[in-house]
């Protein structure tokens, strides 16, 4: 199954993580857009129309939980899957609280990042059928 030509929007205030994730995911064939703040999530999503979002927990202004909730409460965008990313030990609880579709604990490796993105996109495609 090919997941290429999909757009990933990454919200993270750590430029190193943004750079690394962008390189990995672009190499894997995705289009990647980034944001260092999350307060304007609806505006960003409406401009970019991502297929999936990677959301950091500790992102400035409103934080990952609140940003994910805003997205999941939006009629037009609530179906966009969110992968929650955090170094917290209780990331599964944070992801659940936010309403995220999946989570990835930092630090993660390349394979883990790619497989999580592929799995979540495959789930969305399966539901759409």
N, C-alpha and C. Protein backbone atom coordinates (compact mmCIF):
# COMPACT_ATOMS: atom_id res chain seq x y z
N UNK A 1 0.85 -1.19 0.00
CA UNK A 1 0.00 0.00 0.00
C UNK A 1 0.89 1.24 0.00
N UNK A 2 0.57 2.15 -0.88
CA UNK A 2 1.39 3.36 -0.94
C UNK A 2 0.72 4.52 -0.22
N UNK A 3 1.51 5.23 0.54
CA UNK A 3 0.99 6.36 1.29
C UNK A 3 1.60 7.66 0.77
N UNK A 4 2.23 7.58 -0.38
CA UNK A 4 2.92 8.75 -0.88
C UNK A 4 1.91 9.81 -1.31
N UNK A 5 2.41 11.00 -1.55
CA UNK A 5 1.56 12.14 -1.91
C UNK A 5 0.62 12.55 -0.79
N UNK A 6 0.98 12.19 0.43
CA UNK A 6 0.22 12.62 1.60
C UNK A 6 0.95 13.78 2.25
N UNK A 7 0.19 14.68 2.84
CA UNK A 7 0.78 15.84 3.50
C UNK A 7 0.72 15.68 5.01
N UNK A 8 1.85 15.90 5.64
CA UNK A 8 1.97 15.82 7.10
C UNK A 8 2.25 17.22 7.63
N UNK A 9 1.48 17.63 8.64
CA UNK A 9 1.70 18.91 9.29
C UNK A 9 2.24 18.61 10.69
N UNK A 10 3.43 19.15 10.97
CA UNK A 10 4.08 18.89 12.26
C UNK A 10 4.06 20.16 13.11
N UNK A 11 3.51 20.03 14.31
CA UNK A 11 3.53 21.13 15.28
C UNK A 11 4.54 20.78 16.36
N UNK A 12 5.65 21.51 16.41
CA UNK A 12 6.67 21.29 17.44
C UNK A 12 7.50 22.56 17.55
N UNK A 13 7.85 22.95 18.76
CA UNK A 13 8.65 24.16 18.92
C UNK A 13 10.15 23.87 18.93
N UNK A 14 10.52 22.60 18.82
CA UNK A 14 11.93 22.21 18.79
C UNK A 14 12.37 22.12 17.32
N UNK A 15 13.17 23.11 16.88
CA UNK A 15 13.55 23.15 15.47
C UNK A 15 14.35 21.93 15.03
N UNK A 16 15.12 21.36 15.96
CA UNK A 16 15.89 20.15 15.62
C UNK A 16 14.96 18.99 15.29
N UNK A 17 13.92 18.83 16.10
CA UNK A 17 12.95 17.76 15.84
C UNK A 17 12.23 18.02 14.52
N UNK A 18 11.85 19.28 14.29
CA UNK A 18 11.19 19.62 13.02
C UNK A 18 12.08 19.26 11.84
N UNK A 19 13.36 19.61 11.93
CA UNK A 19 14.30 19.32 10.84
C UNK A 19 14.46 17.82 10.60
N UNK A 20 14.69 17.08 11.67
CA UNK A 20 14.89 15.64 11.55
C UNK A 20 13.64 14.96 10.99
N UNK A 21 12.49 15.28 11.57
CA UNK A 21 11.23 14.67 11.10
C UNK A 21 10.97 15.04 9.64
N UNK A 22 11.25 16.27 9.28
CA UNK A 22 11.03 16.70 7.89
C UNK A 22 11.91 15.89 6.94
N UNK A 23 13.18 15.76 7.26
CA UNK A 23 14.11 15.00 6.41
C UNK A 23 13.63 13.55 6.27
N UNK A 24 13.31 12.92 7.39
CA UNK A 24 12.89 11.51 7.38
C UNK A 24 11.63 11.34 6.53
N UNK A 25 10.64 12.19 6.78
CA UNK A 25 9.34 12.01 6.12
C UNK A 25 9.35 12.44 4.66
N UNK A 26 10.14 13.44 4.32
CA UNK A 26 10.28 13.83 2.90
C UNK A 26 11.00 12.70 2.15
N UNK A 27 12.03 12.13 2.77
CA UNK A 27 12.73 10.98 2.16
C UNK A 27 11.78 9.81 1.95
N UNK A 28 10.78 9.67 2.83
CA UNK A 28 9.81 8.58 2.72
C UNK A 28 8.72 8.89 1.69
N UNK A 29 8.77 10.10 1.12
CA UNK A 29 7.84 10.44 0.04
C UNK A 29 6.66 11.32 0.43
N UNK A 30 6.68 11.86 1.64
CA UNK A 30 5.59 12.72 2.08
C UNK A 30 5.89 14.19 1.82
N UNK A 31 4.85 15.00 1.77
CA UNK A 31 5.00 16.45 1.77
C UNK A 31 4.90 16.85 3.24
N UNK A 32 5.83 17.68 3.70
CA UNK A 32 5.85 18.05 5.12
C UNK A 32 5.75 19.56 5.27
N UNK A 33 4.86 19.98 6.15
CA UNK A 33 4.72 21.39 6.52
C UNK A 33 4.92 21.46 8.03
N UNK A 34 5.45 22.59 8.50
CA UNK A 34 5.76 22.69 9.92
C UNK A 34 5.22 23.98 10.54
N UNK A 35 5.03 23.91 11.86
CA UNK A 35 4.61 25.08 12.63
C UNK A 35 5.24 25.00 14.01
N UNK A 36 5.74 26.12 14.51
CA UNK A 36 6.36 26.15 15.83
C UNK A 36 5.38 26.60 16.91
N UNK A 37 4.15 26.92 16.53
CA UNK A 37 3.11 27.29 17.50
C UNK A 37 1.83 26.54 17.13
N UNK A 38 0.93 26.43 18.11
CA UNK A 38 -0.29 25.66 17.85
C UNK A 38 -1.58 26.46 18.02
N UNK A 39 -1.48 27.71 18.48
CA UNK A 39 -2.70 28.49 18.75
C UNK A 39 -3.52 28.75 17.48
N UNK A 40 -2.86 28.70 16.31
CA UNK A 40 -3.55 28.97 15.04
C UNK A 40 -3.76 27.68 14.25
N UNK A 41 -3.99 26.58 14.97
CA UNK A 41 -4.10 25.27 14.32
C UNK A 41 -5.17 25.23 13.24
N UNK A 42 -6.33 25.80 13.49
CA UNK A 42 -7.43 25.74 12.51
C UNK A 42 -7.04 26.51 11.24
N UNK A 43 -6.43 27.66 11.42
CA UNK A 43 -5.97 28.47 10.29
C UNK A 43 -4.93 27.70 9.47
N UNK A 44 -3.96 27.09 10.16
CA UNK A 44 -2.91 26.34 9.47
C UNK A 44 -3.50 25.15 8.70
N UNK A 45 -4.40 24.43 9.37
CA UNK A 45 -5.01 23.25 8.75
C UNK A 45 -5.83 23.67 7.52
N UNK A 46 -6.52 24.79 7.61
CA UNK A 46 -7.34 25.22 6.47
C UNK A 46 -6.47 25.65 5.29
N UNK A 47 -5.26 26.13 5.55
CA UNK A 47 -4.33 26.51 4.48
C UNK A 47 -3.65 25.29 3.86
N UNK A 48 -3.27 24.34 4.71
CA UNK A 48 -2.41 23.23 4.27
C UNK A 48 -3.19 21.97 3.88
N UNK A 49 -4.34 21.74 4.52
CA UNK A 49 -5.14 20.53 4.30
C UNK A 49 -4.31 19.25 4.47
N UNK A 50 -3.74 19.06 5.67
CA UNK A 50 -2.89 17.88 5.89
C UNK A 50 -3.71 16.60 5.94
N UNK A 51 -3.05 15.49 5.63
CA UNK A 51 -3.68 14.17 5.76
C UNK A 51 -3.50 13.63 7.17
N UNK A 52 -2.48 14.15 7.85
CA UNK A 52 -2.17 13.71 9.21
C UNK A 52 -1.40 14.82 9.92
N UNK A 53 -1.54 14.89 11.24
CA UNK A 53 -0.85 15.91 12.03
C UNK A 53 -0.02 15.22 13.10
N UNK A 54 1.22 15.69 13.26
CA UNK A 54 2.06 15.26 14.39
C UNK A 54 2.06 16.43 15.36
N UNK A 55 1.61 16.19 16.59
CA UNK A 55 1.44 17.27 17.57
C UNK A 55 2.31 17.05 18.80
N UNK A 56 3.17 18.04 19.07
CA UNK A 56 4.00 17.99 20.27
C UNK A 56 3.17 18.42 21.47
N UNK A 57 3.44 17.82 22.63
CA UNK A 57 2.72 18.19 23.84
C UNK A 57 3.09 19.59 24.32
N UNK A 58 4.38 19.88 24.40
CA UNK A 58 4.84 21.15 24.98
C UNK A 58 5.08 22.17 23.88
N UNK A 59 4.03 22.63 23.23
CA UNK A 59 4.20 23.62 22.17
C UNK A 59 3.62 24.94 22.65
N UNK A 60 4.31 26.05 22.32
CA UNK A 60 3.90 27.35 22.86
C UNK A 60 2.48 27.77 22.55
N UNK A 61 2.08 28.61 23.36
CA UNK A 61 0.83 29.34 23.46
C UNK A 61 -0.25 28.49 24.06
N UNK A 62 -0.85 27.56 23.34
CA UNK A 62 -1.96 26.84 23.98
C UNK A 62 -1.64 25.39 24.31
N UNK A 63 -0.51 24.87 23.81
CA UNK A 63 -0.13 23.49 24.11
C UNK A 63 -0.82 22.48 23.21
N UNK A 64 -0.26 21.28 23.20
CA UNK A 64 -0.73 20.24 22.29
C UNK A 64 -2.12 19.71 22.60
N UNK A 65 -2.44 19.57 23.88
CA UNK A 65 -3.75 19.03 24.25
C UNK A 65 -4.85 19.96 23.76
N UNK A 66 -4.72 21.23 24.08
CA UNK A 66 -5.75 22.20 23.70
C UNK A 66 -5.85 22.34 22.18
N UNK A 67 -4.71 22.35 21.50
CA UNK A 67 -4.71 22.47 20.03
C UNK A 67 -5.40 21.26 19.40
N UNK A 68 -5.10 20.07 19.91
CA UNK A 68 -5.73 18.85 19.38
C UNK A 68 -7.23 18.88 19.63
N UNK A 69 -7.63 19.33 20.81
CA UNK A 69 -9.07 19.43 21.12
C UNK A 69 -9.77 20.40 20.17
N UNK A 70 -9.13 21.53 19.90
CA UNK A 70 -9.72 22.51 18.97
C UNK A 70 -9.96 21.86 17.61
N UNK A 71 -8.98 21.11 17.15
CA UNK A 71 -9.09 20.44 15.87
C UNK A 71 -10.22 19.40 15.90
N UNK A 72 -10.25 18.60 16.95
CA UNK A 72 -11.22 17.51 17.04
C UNK A 72 -12.66 18.01 17.27
N UNK A 73 -12.79 19.28 17.67
CA UNK A 73 -14.12 19.87 17.85
C UNK A 73 -14.59 20.58 16.58
N UNK A 74 -13.70 20.68 15.59
CA UNK A 74 -14.02 21.41 14.36
C UNK A 74 -14.70 20.46 13.37
N UNK A 75 -15.90 20.82 12.94
CA UNK A 75 -16.71 19.94 12.09
C UNK A 75 -15.97 19.51 10.82
N UNK A 76 -15.25 20.43 10.21
CA UNK A 76 -14.61 20.13 8.92
C UNK A 76 -13.30 19.35 9.07
N UNK A 77 -12.62 19.51 10.20
CA UNK A 77 -11.27 18.95 10.33
C UNK A 77 -11.13 17.84 11.37
N UNK A 78 -12.20 17.51 12.08
CA UNK A 78 -12.09 16.55 13.18
C UNK A 78 -11.66 15.16 12.74
N UNK A 79 -11.83 14.84 11.46
CA UNK A 79 -11.46 13.51 10.96
C UNK A 79 -9.96 13.40 10.67
N UNK A 80 -9.23 14.51 10.68
CA UNK A 80 -7.78 14.46 10.42
C UNK A 80 -7.10 13.78 11.61
N UNK A 81 -6.36 12.69 11.36
CA UNK A 81 -5.72 12.00 12.48
C UNK A 81 -4.57 12.79 13.08
N UNK A 82 -4.46 12.71 14.39
CA UNK A 82 -3.39 13.39 15.12
C UNK A 82 -2.55 12.35 15.84
N UNK A 83 -1.24 12.40 15.61
CA UNK A 83 -0.29 11.57 16.35
C UNK A 83 0.35 12.48 17.38
N UNK A 84 0.15 12.16 18.64
CA UNK A 84 0.64 12.98 19.74
C UNK A 84 2.07 12.58 20.06
N UNK A 85 2.94 13.58 20.22
CA UNK A 85 4.35 13.31 20.46
C UNK A 85 4.78 13.99 21.76
N UNK A 86 5.42 13.20 22.63
CA UNK A 86 5.88 13.77 23.90
C UNK A 86 6.94 12.88 24.53
N UNK A 87 7.77 13.50 25.36
CA UNK A 87 8.75 12.74 26.13
C UNK A 87 8.18 12.33 27.49
N UNK A 88 6.95 12.73 27.79
CA UNK A 88 6.32 12.38 29.07
C UNK A 88 6.15 10.88 29.21
N UNK A 89 6.30 10.38 30.43
CA UNK A 89 6.09 8.96 30.68
C UNK A 89 4.62 8.57 30.51
N UNK A 90 3.73 9.52 30.75
CA UNK A 90 2.30 9.23 30.66
C UNK A 90 1.71 9.73 29.34
N UNK A 91 2.49 9.59 28.26
CA UNK A 91 2.05 10.09 26.96
C UNK A 91 0.72 9.48 26.52
N UNK A 92 0.49 8.21 26.84
CA UNK A 92 -0.78 7.59 26.43
C UNK A 92 -1.97 8.30 27.07
N UNK A 93 -1.80 8.76 28.30
CA UNK A 93 -2.88 9.49 28.99
C UNK A 93 -3.06 10.88 28.38
N UNK A 94 -1.95 11.53 28.05
CA UNK A 94 -2.02 12.85 27.43
C UNK A 94 -2.69 12.76 26.06
N UNK A 95 -2.31 11.76 25.29
CA UNK A 95 -2.88 11.57 23.96
C UNK A 95 -4.38 11.32 24.06
N UNK A 96 -4.77 10.51 25.05
CA UNK A 96 -6.19 10.21 25.27
C UNK A 96 -6.95 11.47 25.67
N UNK A 97 -6.36 12.24 26.57
CA UNK A 97 -6.98 13.48 27.04
C UNK A 97 -7.18 14.47 25.89
N UNK A 98 -6.22 14.49 24.99
CA UNK A 98 -6.28 15.41 23.85
C UNK A 98 -7.25 14.94 22.78
N UNK A 99 -7.50 13.64 22.75
CA UNK A 99 -8.35 13.09 21.70
C UNK A 99 -7.54 12.69 20.47
N UNK A 100 -6.25 12.46 20.66
CA UNK A 100 -5.37 12.09 19.55
C UNK A 100 -5.67 10.66 19.09
N UNK A 101 -5.30 10.36 17.86
CA UNK A 101 -5.57 9.04 17.28
C UNK A 101 -4.46 8.03 17.59
N UNK A 102 -3.27 8.53 17.88
CA UNK A 102 -2.13 7.67 18.18
C UNK A 102 -1.11 8.52 18.92
N UNK A 103 -0.06 7.88 19.41
CA UNK A 103 1.00 8.65 20.07
C UNK A 103 2.35 8.02 19.79
N UNK A 104 3.38 8.84 19.98
CA UNK A 104 4.75 8.43 19.74
C UNK A 104 5.59 9.06 20.84
N UNK A 105 6.29 8.22 21.59
CA UNK A 105 7.10 8.73 22.71
C UNK A 105 8.45 9.20 22.19
N UNK A 106 8.88 10.37 22.68
CA UNK A 106 10.23 10.86 22.37
C UNK A 106 11.17 10.24 23.38
N UNK A 107 12.40 9.91 23.02
CA UNK A 107 12.91 9.95 21.64
C UNK A 107 12.41 8.74 20.86
N UNK A 108 12.11 8.93 19.60
CA UNK A 108 11.66 7.82 18.75
C UNK A 108 12.67 7.63 17.64
N UNK A 109 12.67 6.45 17.05
CA UNK A 109 13.60 6.23 15.95
C UNK A 109 12.88 6.39 14.61
N UNK A 110 13.64 6.43 13.56
CA UNK A 110 13.13 6.67 12.22
C UNK A 110 12.05 5.66 11.84
N UNK A 111 12.32 4.41 12.09
CA UNK A 111 11.38 3.35 11.73
C UNK A 111 10.06 3.52 12.47
N UNK A 112 10.16 3.86 13.75
CA UNK A 112 8.97 4.06 14.58
C UNK A 112 8.12 5.21 14.05
N UNK A 113 8.78 6.30 13.69
CA UNK A 113 8.09 7.47 13.13
C UNK A 113 7.36 7.09 11.85
N UNK A 114 8.10 6.48 10.92
CA UNK A 114 7.51 6.10 9.63
C UNK A 114 6.37 5.10 9.79
N UNK A 115 6.57 4.08 10.63
CA UNK A 115 5.53 3.06 10.76
C UNK A 115 4.28 3.60 11.45
N UNK A 116 4.44 4.50 12.42
CA UNK A 116 3.28 5.10 13.08
C UNK A 116 2.48 5.93 12.09
N UNK A 117 3.17 6.75 11.31
CA UNK A 117 2.49 7.57 10.30
C UNK A 117 1.77 6.68 9.29
N UNK A 118 2.44 5.65 8.80
CA UNK A 118 1.83 4.74 7.83
C UNK A 118 0.62 4.02 8.41
N UNK A 119 0.75 3.55 9.65
CA UNK A 119 -0.35 2.82 10.29
C UNK A 119 -1.58 3.71 10.45
N UNK A 120 -1.38 4.95 10.92
CA UNK A 120 -2.50 5.86 11.14
C UNK A 120 -3.15 6.23 9.80
N UNK A 121 -2.35 6.48 8.79
CA UNK A 121 -2.91 6.80 7.47
C UNK A 121 -3.66 5.59 6.89
N UNK A 122 -3.15 4.39 7.10
CA UNK A 122 -3.82 3.17 6.62
C UNK A 122 -5.16 2.99 7.32
N UNK A 123 -5.20 3.28 8.63
CA UNK A 123 -6.46 3.20 9.38
C UNK A 123 -7.49 4.15 8.81
N UNK A 124 -7.05 5.36 8.48
CA UNK A 124 -7.97 6.37 7.92
C UNK A 124 -8.50 5.88 6.56
N UNK A 125 -7.60 5.35 5.73
CA UNK A 125 -8.02 4.86 4.43
C UNK A 125 -9.01 3.70 4.56
N UNK A 126 -8.74 2.82 5.51
CA UNK A 126 -9.61 1.67 5.73
C UNK A 126 -11.01 2.13 6.17
N UNK A 127 -11.06 3.15 7.02
CA UNK A 127 -12.35 3.67 7.50
C UNK A 127 -13.12 4.35 6.37
N UNK A 128 -12.38 4.96 5.43
CA UNK A 128 -13.01 5.70 4.34
C UNK A 128 -13.67 4.76 3.33
N UNK A 129 -13.24 3.51 3.32
CA UNK A 129 -13.77 2.56 2.33
C UNK A 129 -15.12 2.01 2.72
